[in-house]
C-alpha atoms as a PDB file:
ATOM      1  CA  MET A   1     107.699 108.188 112.060  1.00  0.00           C
ATOM      2  CA  PRO A   2     109.667 108.591 108.809  1.00  0.00           C
ATOM      3  CA  GLY A   3     108.151 108.134 105.390  1.00  0.00           C
ATOM      4  CA  PRO A   4     106.717 110.463 102.749  1.00  0.00           C
ATOM      5  CA  LEU A   5     103.476 110.977 104.722  1.00  0.00           C
ATOM      6  CA  ALA A   6     105.229 112.000 107.940  1.00  0.00           C
ATOM      7  CA  GLY A   7     103.280 114.807 109.609  1.00  0.00           C
ATOM      8  CA  VAL A   8      99.910 113.603 108.297  1.00  0.00           C
ATOM      9  CA  ARG A   9      97.422 112.486 110.947  1.00  0.00           C
ATOM     10  CA  ILE A  10      94.547 110.145 110.085  1.00  0.00           C
ATOM     11  CA  LEU A  11      91.627 108.911 112.166  1.00  0.00           C
ATOM     12  CA  GLU A  12      90.522 105.380 111.270  1.00  0.00           C
ATOM     13  CA  MET A  13      87.160 103.997 112.315  1.00  0.00           C
ATOM     14  CA  ALA A  14      88.124 100.358 112.852  1.00  0.00           C
ATOM     15  CA  GLY A  15      86.411  97.731 110.733  1.00  0.00           C
ATOM     16  CA  LEU A  16      87.263  94.744 108.563  1.00  0.00           C
ATOM     17  CA  GLY A  17      88.927  94.394 105.161  1.00  0.00           C
ATOM     18  CA  PRO A  18      89.541  97.317 102.837  1.00  0.00           C
ATOM     19  CA  ALA A  19      89.347 100.293 105.239  1.00  0.00           C
ATOM     20  CA  PRO A  20      91.970  98.797 107.604  1.00  0.00           C
ATOM     21  CA  PHE A  21      94.111  97.992 104.562  1.00  0.00           C
ATOM     22  CA  CYS A  22      93.906 101.673 103.614  1.00  0.00           C
ATOM     23  CA  GLY A  23      94.929 102.589 107.165  1.00  0.00           C
ATOM     24  CA  MET A  24      97.838 100.162 106.956  1.00  0.00           C
ATOM     25  CA  MET A  25      98.986 101.689 103.667  1.00  0.00           C
ATOM     26  CA  LEU A  26      98.892 105.223 105.081  1.00  0.00           C
ATOM     27  CA  ALA A  27     100.686 104.159 108.275  1.00  0.00           C
ATOM     28  CA  ASP A  28     103.284 102.185 106.319  1.00  0.00           C
ATOM     29  CA  HIS A  29     104.140 105.350 104.398  1.00  0.00           C
ATOM     30  CA  GLY A  30     104.593 107.535 107.452  1.00  0.00           C
ATOM     31  CA  ALA A  31     101.181 108.884 108.432  1.00  0.00           C
ATOM     32  CA  GLU A  32     100.183 108.794 112.088  1.00  0.00           C
ATOM     33  CA  VAL A  33      97.025 106.679 112.053  1.00  0.00           C
ATOM     34  CA  ILE A  34      94.814 106.617 115.147  1.00  0.00           C
ATOM     35  CA  ARG A  35      92.469 103.648 115.197  1.00  0.00           C
ATOM     36  CA  VAL A  36      89.127 104.001 116.999  1.00  0.00           C
ATOM     37  CA  GLU A  37      87.991 100.540 118.064  1.00  0.00           C
ATOM     38  CA  ARG A  38      84.674  99.392 119.455  1.00  0.00           C
ATOM     39  CA  GLU A  39      84.914  97.494 122.725  1.00  0.00           C
ATOM     40  CA  GLY A  40      84.306  93.796 122.203  1.00  0.00           C
ATOM     41  CA  ALA A  41      84.630  93.965 118.408  1.00  0.00           C
ATOM     42  CA  TRP A  42      86.242  90.922 116.784  1.00  0.00           C
ATOM     43  CA  LYS A  43      89.971  91.339 116.168  1.00  0.00           C
ATOM     44  CA  LEU A  44      92.462  89.096 114.417  1.00  0.00           C
ATOM     45  CA  PRO A  45      95.402  88.530 116.796  1.00  0.00           C
ATOM     46  CA  GLY A  46      98.544  90.106 115.358  1.00  0.00           C
ATOM     47  CA  ASP A  47      96.553  91.469 112.406  1.00  0.00           C
ATOM     48  CA  PRO A  48      99.003  92.912 109.845  1.00  0.00           C
ATOM     49  CA  MET A  49      96.355  95.405 108.741  1.00  0.00           C
ATOM     50  CA  SER A  50      96.279  97.060 112.189  1.00  0.00           C
ATOM     51  CA  ARG A  51     100.046  97.526 112.407  1.00  0.00           C
ATOM     52  CA  SER A  52     101.771 100.820 113.198  1.00  0.00           C
ATOM     53  CA  ARG A  53      98.657 102.344 114.798  1.00  0.00           C
ATOM     54  CA  ARG A  54      97.858 103.998 118.092  1.00  0.00           C
ATOM     55  CA  THR A  55      94.502 102.676 119.247  1.00  0.00           C
ATOM     56  CA  ILE A  56      91.717 103.791 121.523  1.00  0.00           C
ATOM     57  CA  GLN A  57      88.523 101.944 122.416  1.00  0.00           C
ATOM     58  CA  VAL A  58      85.445 104.179 122.413  1.00  0.00           C
ATOM     59  CA  ASP A  59      81.787 103.400 123.132  1.00  0.00           C
ATOM     60  CA  LEU A  60      80.082 104.847 120.060  1.00  0.00           C
ATOM     61  CA  LYS A  61      76.608 104.245 121.479  1.00  0.00           C
ATOM     62  CA  ARG A  62      77.002 107.045 124.017  1.00  0.00           C
ATOM     63  CA  ALA A  63      77.143 110.775 123.472  1.00  0.00           C
ATOM     64  CA  GLU A  64      80.343 111.132 125.467  1.00  0.00           C
ATOM     65  CA  GLY A  65      82.039 108.609 123.177  1.00  0.00           C
ATOM     66  CA  ILE A  66      80.902 110.476 120.070  1.00  0.00           C
ATOM     67  CA  ALA A  67      82.305 113.666 121.589  1.00  0.00           C
ATOM     68  CA  VAL A  68      85.687 111.968 122.040  1.00  0.00           C
ATOM     69  CA  VAL A  69      85.727 110.930 118.363  1.00  0.00           C
ATOM     70  CA  ARG A  70      84.804 114.468 117.260  1.00  0.00           C
ATOM     71  CA  ASP A  71      87.679 115.850 119.327  1.00  0.00           C
ATOM     72  CA  LEU A  72      90.054 113.326 117.787  1.00  0.00           C
ATOM     73  CA  ALA A  73      88.827 114.179 114.289  1.00  0.00           C
ATOM     74  CA  ARG A  74      89.468 117.888 114.891  1.00  0.00           C
ATOM     75  CA  SER A  75      93.125 117.040 115.453  1.00  0.00           C
ATOM     76  CA  CYS A  76      93.415 115.061 112.212  1.00  0.00           C
ATOM     77  CA  ASP A  77      93.955 115.781 108.535  1.00  0.00           C
ATOM     78  CA  GLY A  78      91.809 112.888 107.361  1.00  0.00           C
ATOM     79  CA  LEU A  79      89.375 110.196 108.401  1.00  0.00           C
ATOM     80  CA  ILE A  80      88.653 106.789 106.898  1.00  0.00           C
ATOM     81  CA  GLU A  81      85.595 104.622 107.511  1.00  0.00           C
ATOM     82  CA  GLY A  82      84.212 101.470 105.932  1.00  0.00           C
ATOM     83  CA  TYR A  83      80.691 101.249 107.326  1.00  0.00           C
ATOM     84  CA  ARG A  84      77.542 100.839 105.251  1.00  0.00           C
ATOM     85  CA  PRO A  85      76.048 104.106 103.962  1.00  0.00           C
ATOM     86  CA  GLY A  86      74.289 106.090 106.682  1.00  0.00           C
ATOM     87  CA  VAL A  87      75.974 104.490 109.701  1.00  0.00           C
ATOM     88  CA  MET A  88      78.331 107.383 110.400  1.00  0.00           C
ATOM     89  CA  GLU A  89      75.467 109.863 109.968  1.00  0.00           C
ATOM     90  CA  ARG A  90      73.339 107.956 112.489  1.00  0.00           C
ATOM     91  CA  LEU A  91      76.241 108.064 114.936  1.00  0.00           C
ATOM     92  CA  GLY A  92      76.440 111.828 114.539  1.00  0.00           C
ATOM     93  CA  LEU A  93      79.841 111.544 112.838  1.00  0.00           C
ATOM     94  CA  GLY A  94      78.872 112.138 109.213  1.00  0.00           C
ATOM     95  CA  PRO A  95      80.930 114.354 106.917  1.00  0.00           C
ATOM     96  CA  GLU A  96      78.627 117.361 107.392  1.00  0.00           C
ATOM     97  CA  VAL A  97      79.404 117.305 111.098  1.00  0.00           C
ATOM     98  CA  LEU A  98      83.118 116.514 110.978  1.00  0.00           C
ATOM     99  CA  ILE A  99      84.004 118.707 107.995  1.00  0.00           C
ATOM    100  CA  GLY A 100      81.897 121.374 109.686  1.00  0.00           C
ATOM    101  CA  ASP A 101      84.200 121.006 112.696  1.00  0.00           C
ATOM    102  CA  SER A 102      87.351 120.981 110.493  1.00  0.00           C
ATOM    103  CA  PRO A 103      86.915 122.433 106.977  1.00  0.00           C
ATOM    104  CA  HIS A 104      90.279 120.993 105.919  1.00  0.00           C
ATOM    105  CA  LEU A 105      89.311 117.382 106.775  1.00  0.00           C
ATOM    106  CA  VAL A 106      89.536 114.732 104.047  1.00  0.00           C
ATOM    107  CA  TYR A 107      86.751 112.247 104.743  1.00  0.00           C
ATOM    108  CA  GLY A 108      87.407 108.861 103.083  1.00  0.00           C
ATOM    109  CA  ARG A 109      84.457 106.480 102.712  1.00  0.00           C
ATOM    110  CA  MET A 110      84.916 102.836 101.688  1.00  0.00           C
ATOM    111  CA  THR A 111      81.925 100.771 100.562  1.00  0.00           C
ATOM    112  CA  GLY A 112      81.166  97.989  98.124  1.00  0.00           C
ATOM    113  CA  TRP A 113      78.508  99.652  95.990  1.00  0.00           C
ATOM    114  CA  GLY A 114      79.121 103.345  96.747  1.00  0.00           C
ATOM    115  CA  GLN A 115      77.276 105.895  98.849  1.00  0.00           C
ATOM    116  CA  ASP A 116      74.277 106.061  96.518  1.00  0.00           C
ATOM    117  CA  GLY A 117      72.617 104.177  93.671  1.00  0.00           C
ATOM    118  CA  PRO A 118      70.090 101.312  93.519  1.00  0.00           C
ATOM    119  CA  LEU A 119      72.354  98.867  95.394  1.00  0.00           C
ATOM    120  CA  ALA A 120      73.887 101.249  97.937  1.00  0.00           C
ATOM    121  CA  ALA A 121      71.988  99.847 100.923  1.00  0.00           C
ATOM    122  CA  ALA A 122      72.407  96.161 100.003  1.00  0.00           C
ATOM    123  CA  ALA A 123      74.802  93.790 101.751  1.00  0.00           C
ATOM    124  CA  GLY A 124      77.632  92.289  99.741  1.00  0.00           C
ATOM    125  CA  HIS A 125      81.159  90.947  99.692  1.00  0.00           C
ATOM    126  CA  ASP A 126      84.135  91.208  97.365  1.00  0.00           C
ATOM    127  CA  ILE A 127      82.813  88.454  95.087  1.00  0.00           C
ATOM    128  CA  ASN A 128      79.598  90.404  94.515  1.00  0.00           C
ATOM    129  CA  TYR A 129      81.330  93.708  93.777  1.00  0.00           C
ATOM    130  CA  ILE A 130      83.785  92.227  91.297  1.00  0.00           C
ATOM    131  CA  ALA A 131      80.985  90.240  89.663  1.00  0.00           C
ATOM    132  CA  LEU A 132      79.048  93.441  88.946  1.00  0.00           C
ATOM    133  CA  SER A 133      82.142  95.280  87.668  1.00  0.00           C
ATOM    134  CA  GLY A 134      82.995  92.574  85.121  1.00  0.00           C
ATOM    135  CA  SER A 135      86.377  91.808  86.665  1.00  0.00           C
ATOM    136  CA  LEU A 136      85.318  88.388  88.021  1.00  0.00           C
ATOM    137  CA  HIS A 137      84.264  87.384  84.490  1.00  0.00           C
ATOM    138  CA  THR A 138      87.914  87.639  83.390  1.00  0.00           C
ATOM    139  CA  VAL A 139      89.224  85.124  85.949  1.00  0.00           C
ATOM    140  CA  GLY A 140      88.710  81.385  85.602  1.00  0.00           C
ATOM    141  CA  ARG A 141      88.860  78.411  83.259  1.00  0.00           C
ATOM    142  CA  ASP A 142      86.525  76.844  80.719  1.00  0.00           C
ATOM    143  CA  GLY A 143      84.172  79.784  80.940  1.00  0.00           C
ATOM    144  CA  ARG A 144      83.615  79.370  84.689  1.00  0.00           C
ATOM    145  CA  PRO A 145      84.610  82.415  86.783  1.00  0.00           C
ATOM    146  CA  SER A 146      86.834  81.595  89.746  1.00  0.00           C
ATOM    147  CA  PRO A 147      86.975  83.877  92.830  1.00  0.00           C
ATOM    148  CA  PRO A 148      90.556  85.283  93.114  1.00  0.00           C
ATOM    149  CA  VAL A 149      90.439  85.397  96.956  1.00  0.00           C
ATOM    150  CA  ASN A 150      89.438  89.019  97.741  1.00  0.00           C
ATOM    151  CA  TYR A 151      92.328  90.845  96.156  1.00  0.00           C
ATOM    152  CA  LEU A 152      90.475  92.573  93.312  1.00  0.00           C
ATOM    153  CA  GLY A 153      87.672  94.250  95.243  1.00  0.00           C
ATOM    154  CA  ASP A 154      88.583  94.588  98.899  1.00  0.00           C
ATOM    155  CA  PHE A 155      92.230  95.435  98.493  1.00  0.00           C
ATOM    156  CA  GLY A 156      93.235  96.406  94.933  1.00  0.00           C
ATOM    157  CA  GLY A 157      90.018  98.176  93.977  1.00  0.00           C
ATOM    158  CA  GLY A 158      89.184  99.132  97.560  1.00  0.00           C
ATOM    159  CA  GLY A 159      91.719  99.852 100.291  1.00  0.00           C
ATOM    160  CA  MET A 160      94.657 100.644  98.026  1.00  0.00           C
ATOM    161  CA  LEU A 161      92.557 102.916  95.833  1.00  0.00           C
ATOM    162  CA  LEU A 162      91.236 104.757  98.893  1.00  0.00           C
ATOM    163  CA  ALA A 163      94.799 105.239 100.172  1.00  0.00           C
ATOM    164  CA  PHE A 164      95.727 106.768  96.807  1.00  0.00           C
ATOM    165  CA  ALA A 165      92.642 108.984  96.937  1.00  0.00           C
ATOM    166  CA  MET A 166      93.409 110.097 100.506  1.00  0.00           C
ATOM    167  CA  ALA A 167      96.966 111.064  99.549  1.00  0.00           C
ATOM    168  CA  SER A 168      95.640 112.914  96.481  1.00  0.00           C
ATOM    169  CA  ALA A 169      93.010 114.851  98.423  1.00  0.00           C
ATOM    170  CA  LEU A 170      95.457 115.665 101.222  1.00  0.00           C
ATOM    171  CA  LEU A 171      97.838 117.039  98.596  1.00  0.00           C
ATOM    172  CA  ALA A 172      94.989 119.174  97.231  1.00  0.00           C
ATOM    173  CA  VAL A 173      94.339 120.577 100.735  1.00  0.00           C
ATOM    174  CA  LYS A 174      98.014 121.431 101.018  1.00  0.00           C
ATOM    175  CA  GLY A 175      97.634 123.364  97.760  1.00  0.00           C
ATOM    176  CA  GLY A 176      94.708 125.372  99.128  1.00  0.00           C
ATOM    177  CA  ALA A 177      91.670 123.200  98.330  1.00  0.00           C
ATOM    178  CA  PRO A 178      89.037 122.581 101.021  1.00  0.00           C
ATOM    179  CA  GLY A 179      88.418 119.286 102.731  1.00  0.00           C
ATOM    180  CA  GLN A 180      86.115 116.915 100.909  1.00  0.00           C
ATOM    181  CA  VAL A 181      84.397 113.523 100.909  1.00  0.00           C
ATOM    182  CA  ILE A 182      85.893 110.592  98.991  1.00  0.00           C
ATOM    183  CA  ASP A 183      83.313 108.039  97.833  1.00  0.00           C
ATOM    184  CA  CYS A 184      85.394 104.915  97.163  1.00  0.00           C
ATOM    185  CA  ALA A 185      83.315 101.980  95.889  1.00  0.00           C
ATOM    186  CA  MET A 186      84.885  98.571  95.392  1.00  0.00           C
ATOM    187  CA  THR A 187      82.664  97.957  92.372  1.00  0.00           C
ATOM    188  CA  GLU A 188      84.158 100.992  90.636  1.00  0.00           C
ATOM    189  CA  GLY A 189      87.682 100.297  91.856  1.00  0.00           C
ATOM    190  CA  SER A 190      87.627  96.730  90.561  1.00  0.00           C
ATOM    191  CA  ALA A 191      86.193  98.000  87.267  1.00  0.00           C
ATOM    192  CA  LEU A 192      89.142 100.401  87.054  1.00  0.00           C
ATOM    193  CA  LEU A 193      91.540  97.464  87.291  1.00  0.00           C
ATOM    194  CA  THR A 194      90.094  96.064  84.043  1.00  0.00           C
ATOM    195  CA  ALA A 195      91.125  99.109  81.968  1.00  0.00           C
ATOM    196  CA  LEU A 196      93.672  97.160  79.880  1.00  0.00           C
ATOM    197  CA  ILE A 197      91.217  94.339  79.222  1.00  0.00           C
ATOM    198  CA  HIS A 198      88.589  96.770  77.939  1.00  0.00           C
ATOM    199  CA  GLY A 199      91.205  98.203  75.595  1.00  0.00           C
ATOM    200  CA  LEU A 200      92.157  94.772  74.307  1.00  0.00           C
ATOM    201  CA  LYS A 201      88.492  93.861  73.832  1.00  0.00           C
ATOM    202  CA  ALA A 202      87.827  97.036  71.858  1.00  0.00           C
ATOM    203  CA  ALA A 203      90.823  96.208  69.645  1.00  0.00           C
ATOM    204  CA  GLY A 204      89.486  92.706  68.973  1.00  0.00           C
ATOM    205  CA  GLN A 205      92.303  91.104  70.971  1.00  0.00           C
ATOM    206  CA  TRP A 206      90.261  89.767  73.883  1.00  0.00           C
ATOM    207  CA  GLN A 207      87.518  87.155  73.890  1.00  0.00           C
ATOM    208  CA  ASP A 208      84.820  87.996  76.397  1.00  0.00           C
ATOM    209  CA  ARG A 209      85.087  84.707  78.297  1.00  0.00           C
ATOM    210  CA  ALA A 210      87.447  83.496  80.999  1.00  0.00           C
ATOM    211  CA  GLY A 211      90.405  81.277  80.160  1.00  0.00           C
ATOM    212  CA  ALA A 212      90.403  81.971  76.422  1.00  0.00           C
ATOM    213  CA  ASN A 213      92.997  84.735  76.172  1.00  0.00           C
ATOM    214  CA  LEU A 214      96.709  85.333  76.141  1.00  0.00           C
ATOM    215  CA  ILE A 215      97.105  86.361  79.793  1.00  0.00           C
ATOM    216  CA  ASP A 216      94.252  84.524  81.517  1.00  0.00           C
ATOM    217  CA  GLY A 217      95.475  80.951  81.024  1.00  0.00           C
ATOM    218  CA  GLY A 218      94.253  80.633  77.457  1.00  0.00           C
ATOM    219  CA  SER A 219      97.824  80.391  76.188  1.00  0.00           C
ATOM    220  CA  ALA A 220     100.235  77.547  76.917  1.00  0.00           C
ATOM    221  CA  TRP A 221     102.969  80.165  77.256  1.00  0.00           C
ATOM    222  CA  TYR A 222     101.247  81.923  80.161  1.00  0.00           C
ATOM    223  CA  ASP A 223     100.150  79.205  82.538  1.00  0.00           C
ATOM    224  CA  THR A 224     101.047  77.020  85.517  1.00  0.00           C
ATOM    225  CA  TYR A 225     102.362  73.466  85.336  1.00  0.00           C
ATOM    226  CA  GLU A 226     102.567  70.673  87.887  1.00  0.00           C
ATOM    227  CA  THR A 227     105.963  69.157  88.656  1.00  0.00           C
ATOM    228  CA  ALA A 228     106.925  65.591  89.609  1.00  0.00           C
ATOM    229  CA  ASP A 229     106.650  66.311  93.352  1.00  0.00           C
ATOM    230  CA  GLY A 230     103.114  67.695  93.092  1.00  0.00           C
ATOM    231  CA  LYS A 231     104.220  71.330  93.231  1.00  0.00           C
ATOM    232  CA  TRP A 232     103.704  73.983  90.571  1.00  0.00           C
ATOM    233  CA  VAL A 233     105.664  76.400  88.418  1.00  0.00           C
ATOM    234  CA  ALA A 234     104.549  79.483  86.484  1.00  0.00           C
ATOM    235  CA  VAL A 235     105.574  80.278  82.914  1.00  0.00           C
ATOM    236  CA  GLY A 236     105.056  83.639  81.204  1.00  0.00           C
ATOM    237  CA  ALA A 237     107.099  83.274  78.015  1.00  0.00           C
ATOM    238  CA  LEU A 238     104.800  85.285  75.763  1.00  0.00           C
ATOM    239  CA  GLU A 239     107.366  87.060  73.576  1.00  0.00           C
ATOM    240  CA  PRO A 240     109.253  85.054  70.920  1.00  0.00           C
ATOM    241  CA  GLN A 241     112.692  85.632  72.453  1.00  0.00           C
ATOM    242  CA  PHE A 242     111.546  84.470  75.890  1.00  0.00           C
ATOM    243  CA  ARG A 243     109.746  81.494  74.392  1.00  0.00           C
ATOM    244  CA  ALA A 244     112.883  80.527  72.494  1.00  0.00           C
ATOM    245  CA  GLU A 245     114.965  80.607  75.673  1.00  0.00           C
ATOM    246  CA  LEU A 246     112.426  78.493  77.536  1.00  0.00           C
ATOM    247  CA  LEU A 247     112.347  75.860  74.795  1.00  0.00           C
ATOM    248  CA  GLU A 248     116.131  75.793  74.521  1.00  0.00           C
ATOM    249  CA  LYS A 249     116.568  75.208  78.254  1.00  0.00           C
ATOM    250  CA  LEU A 250     113.870  72.544  78.235  1.00  0.00           C
ATOM    251  CA  GLY A 251     115.503  70.817  75.272  1.00  0.00           C
ATOM    252  CA  LEU A 252     112.438  71.288  73.091  1.00  0.00           C
ATOM    253  CA  SER A 253     112.204  72.477  69.502  1.00  0.00           C
ATOM    254  CA  GLY A 254     110.018  72.454  66.422  1.00  0.00           C
ATOM    255  CA  ASP A 255     106.443  73.472  65.762  1.00  0.00           C
ATOM    256  CA  ASP A 256     104.484  71.415  68.237  1.00  0.00           C
ATOM    257  CA  PRO A 257     100.751  71.538  67.507  1.00  0.00           C
ATOM    258  CA  ASP A 258      99.949  71.184  71.215  1.00  0.00           C
ATOM    259  CA  TRP A 259     102.528  73.005  73.307  1.00  0.00           C
ATOM    260  CA  ARG A 260     100.374  72.848  76.434  1.00  0.00           C
ATOM    261  CA  ALA A 261     100.407  69.041  76.405  1.00  0.00           C
ATOM    262  CA  THR A 262     104.146  69.022  75.718  1.00  0.00           C
ATOM    263  CA  LEU A 263     104.924  71.477  78.521  1.00  0.00           C
ATOM    264  CA  THR A 264     102.618  69.593  80.896  1.00  0.00           C
ATOM    265  CA  ALA A 265     104.434  66.325  80.204  1.00  0.00           C
ATOM    266  CA  THR A 266     107.874  67.950  80.376  1.00  0.00           C
ATOM    267  CA  PHE A 267     107.413  69.653  83.747  1.00  0.00           C
ATOM    268  CA  ARG A 268     106.025  66.465  85.261  1.00  0.00           C
ATOM    269  CA  GLN A 269     109.339  64.702  84.613  1.00  0.00           C
ATOM    270  CA  HIS A 270     111.234  66.393  87.491  1.00  0.00           C
ATOM    271  CA  PRO A 271     110.527  68.021  90.872  1.00  0.00           C
ATOM    272  CA  ARG A 272     110.116  71.758  91.189  1.00  0.00           C
ATOM    273  CA  GLU A 273     113.635  72.370  92.504  1.00  0.00           C
ATOM    274  CA  HIS A 274     115.086  70.850  89.345  1.00  0.00           C
ATOM    275  CA  TRP A 275     113.228  73.396  87.229  1.00  0.00           C
ATOM    276  CA  CYS A 276     114.186  76.230  89.564  1.00  0.00           C
ATOM    277  CA  ALA A 277     117.862  75.353  89.205  1.00  0.00           C
ATOM    278  CA  LEU A 278     117.512  75.218  85.434  1.00  0.00           C
ATOM    279  CA  LEU A 279     115.282  78.215  84.758  1.00  0.00           C
ATOM    280  CA  GLU A 280     115.264  80.762  87.591  1.00  0.00           C
ATOM    281  CA  GLY A 281     117.164  83.938  86.775  1.00  0.00           C
ATOM    282  CA  SER A 282     117.000  83.339  83.037  1.00  0.00           C
ATOM    283  CA  ASP A 283     114.910  85.114  80.418  1.00  0.00           C
ATOM    284  CA  ALA A 284     112.568  82.145  80.189  1.00  0.00           C
ATOM    285  CA  CYS A 285     110.028  84.071  82.305  1.00  0.00           C
ATOM    286  CA  PHE A 286     109.797  81.373  84.944  1.00  0.00           C
ATOM    287  CA  ALA A 287     109.047  81.271  88.669  1.00  0.00           C
ATOM    288  CA  PRO A 288     108.064  78.615  91.192  1.00  0.00           C
ATOM    289  CA  VAL A 289     104.540  78.897  92.599  1.00  0.00           C
ATOM    290  CA  LEU A 290     105.407  79.363  96.267  1.00  0.00           C
ATOM    291  CA  SER A 291     103.066  78.848  99.195  1.00  0.00           C
ATOM    292  CA  LEU A 292     102.501  81.565 101.790  1.00  0.00           C
ATOM    293  CA  SER A 293     104.964  79.711 104.033  1.00  0.00           C
ATOM    294  CA  GLU A 294     107.581  79.315 101.314  1.00  0.00           C
ATOM    295  CA  ALA A 295     107.543  82.819  99.849  1.00  0.00           C
ATOM    296  CA  PRO A 296     109.337  84.583 102.741  1.00  0.00           C
ATOM    297  CA  GLN A 297     112.175  82.035 102.541  1.00  0.00           C
ATOM    298  CA  HIS A 298     112.951  82.507  98.848  1.00  0.00           C
ATOM    299  CA  PRO A 299     116.430  84.035  98.393  1.00  0.00           C
ATOM    300  CA  HIS A 300     115.180  86.950  96.287  1.00  0.00           C
ATOM    301  CA  ASN A 301     112.441  87.863  98.765  1.00  0.00           C
ATOM    302  CA  ALA A 302     114.849  87.455 101.684  1.00  0.00           C
ATOM    303  CA  PHE A 303     117.423  89.714  99.995  1.00  0.00           C
ATOM    304  CA  ARG A 304     114.812  92.377  99.275  1.00  0.00           C
ATOM    305  CA  GLY A 305     113.151  92.161 102.695  1.00  0.00           C
ATOM    306  CA  THR A 306     109.794  91.537 101.054  1.00  0.00           C
ATOM    307  CA  PHE A 307     108.425  90.078 104.281  1.00  0.00           C
ATOM    308  CA  ALA A 308     108.829  91.079 107.921  1.00  0.00           C
ATOM    309  CA  ASN A 309     108.144  89.446 111.267  1.00  0.00           C
ATOM    310  CA  ILE A 310     106.042  91.702 113.489  1.00  0.00           C
ATOM    311  CA  GLY A 311     104.708  90.460 116.785  1.00  0.00           C
ATOM    312  CA  ALA A 312     105.584  86.863 115.810  1.00  0.00           C
ATOM    313  CA  VAL A 313     103.476  87.179 112.635  1.00  0.00           C
ATOM    314  CA  THR A 314     105.217  86.903 109.264  1.00  0.00           C
ATOM    315  CA  GLN A 315     103.649  89.433 106.903  1.00  0.00           C
ATOM    316  CA  PRO A 316     104.401  91.547 103.839  1.00  0.00           C
ATOM    317  CA  ALA A 317     106.693  94.493 104.522  1.00  0.00           C
ATOM    318  CA  PRO A 318     105.722  98.022 103.410  1.00  0.00           C
ATOM    319  CA  ALA A 319     106.052  98.668  99.686  1.00  0.00           C
ATOM    320  CA  PRO A 320     107.171 100.379  97.528  1.00  0.00           C
ATOM    321  CA  ARG A 321     110.559 101.801  98.588  1.00  0.00           C
ATOM    322  CA  TYR A 322     111.644 105.469  98.802  1.00  0.00           C
ATOM    323  CA  SER A 323     115.194 106.728  98.390  1.00  0.00           C
ATOM    324  CA  ALA A 324     114.934 109.962 100.409  1.00  0.00           C
ATOM    325  CA  THR A 325     112.061 109.287 102.826  1.00  0.00           C
ATOM    326  CA  PRO A 326     112.293 105.588 103.677  1.00  0.00           C
ATOM    327  CA  ASN A 327     109.502 103.970 105.646  1.00  0.00           C
ATOM    328  CA  ALA A 328     110.081 102.968 109.239  1.00  0.00           C
ATOM    329  CA  ALA A 329     109.895  99.309 110.156  1.00  0.00           C
ATOM    330  CA  PRO A 330     106.247  98.567 110.984  1.00  0.00           C
ATOM    331  CA  GLN A 331     105.301  97.926 114.588  1.00  0.00           C
ATOM    332  CA  ALA A 332     102.419  96.105 116.257  1.00  0.00           C
ATOM    333  CA  ALA A 333      99.410  98.269 117.110  1.00  0.00           C
ATOM    334  CA  ARG A 334      99.477  99.684 120.631  1.00  0.00           C
ATOM    335  CA  PRO A 335      96.673 100.935 122.919  1.00  0.00           C
ATOM    336  CA  ASP A 336      97.377 104.581 123.710  1.00  0.00           C
ATOM    337  CA  ALA A 337      94.126 106.128 124.966  1.00  0.00           C
ATOM    338  CA  ASP A 338      95.629 108.152 127.828  1.00  0.00           C
ATOM    339  CA  ALA A 339      98.315 109.772 125.689  1.00  0.00           C
ATOM    340  CA  LEU A 340      95.933 110.480 122.827  1.00  0.00           C
ATOM    341  CA  LEU A 341      93.424 112.210 125.078  1.00  0.00           C
ATOM    342  CA  ALA A 342      96.170 114.113 126.890  1.00  0.00           C
ATOM    343  CA  GLU A 343      97.268 115.490 123.515  1.00  0.00           C
ATOM    344  CA  LEU A 344      93.703 116.784 123.067  1.00  0.00           C
ATOM    345  CA  GLY A 345      93.911 118.610 126.376  1.00  0.00           C
ATOM    346  CA  TYR A 346      91.899 116.174 128.493  1.00  0.00           C
ATOM    347  CA  ASP A 347      93.114 116.287 132.097  1.00  0.00           C
ATOM    348  CA  PRO A 348      93.862 112.997 133.902  1.00  0.00           C
ATOM    349  CA  ALA A 349      90.732 113.239 136.042  1.00  0.00           C
ATOM    350  CA  ARG A 350      88.506 113.514 132.978  1.00  0.00           C
ATOM    351  CA  VAL A 351      90.235 110.558 131.328  1.00  0.00           C
ATOM    352  CA  ALA A 352      89.802 108.507 134.501  1.00  0.00           C
ATOM    353  CA  ALA A 353      86.110 109.433 134.644  1.00  0.00           C
ATOM    354  CA  LEU A 354      85.591 108.396 131.019  1.00  0.00           C
ATOM    355  CA  ARG A 355      87.275 105.056 131.664  1.00  0.00           C
ATOM    356  CA  GLU A 356      85.303 104.493 134.856  1.00  0.00           C
ATOM    357  CA  ALA A 357      82.072 105.131 132.954  1.00  0.00           C
ATOM    358  CA  GLY A 358      83.107 102.700 130.216  1.00  0.00           C
ATOM    359  CA  ILE A 359      83.245 105.416 127.549  1.00  0.00           C
ATOM    360  CA  ILE A 360      86.853 104.570 126.683  1.00  0.00           C
ATOM    361  CA  GLY A 361      88.814 101.360 127.060  1.00  0.00           C
END
């Protein structure tokens, strides 16, 4: 598979959310990612986050299944898992065991709170992790935090950060460093995403409440507005030159004491397509707020190939782009147990026996 990570082999312990997103990122950029799935585990049909993987079902409750995973790990450069702390150790697949088998192995661990600390063993979800990090406090209106789906913790501060860490640690191994454990906590990753806001706060340019600042909806020039057909548009005309262009195209001028009310009334006069025709492509810092169904059809996204159709599921295409090592088009995940075990040296009779015993699927 082409891509800058071609030649890298990763073992992914299948789960939900951020760890699969990390596996998707690595696979999108050329790594061979082998996904170990538990038989009967819930799966989203056509899941974009399982794309471009070879998969094998393994019974992790039986010693023979654990042995299969250890053999797979020995053939890999890295492993990613998103279980609660201690689960992999109880399975006999903790980092001491697997790095002991392969000293070069990069062992990526994805959790909400981290591998240790007072909250490490507690259950949680994205909303809890970003609440503790302070990032949820920055999103909302009228002082009330508003959950931003699960982008900040699970994916931005979780899976994507772990993918970056895996690539970094793999590069270190290539330079002569040993394998190591990566402790990727969504609480810390989502805190990292607030670096700019902490800087603005320290400089006295950020009020410590949601919806009161320049880029969180506190400014009329950085907000969304409803149009006559009940749709929405987004304006980001913060700088004077962009603001001037927006006002000129809208036919507005002067020093209005309440620009938010004026812009609200103005945008409600016509449907969204009217404003797109007038403002898109200009320096007014304007865009329509597109739905998930609309976004793939927009001319700019269509030209760029921002979305792809894989297994009848429309989904985001790999990003970003590379000039010399372009990514391959993503493919649907495929079961490949026989071939994977053959590559490890298992003879057909042994594979058949494992399947007959229900060790592999």
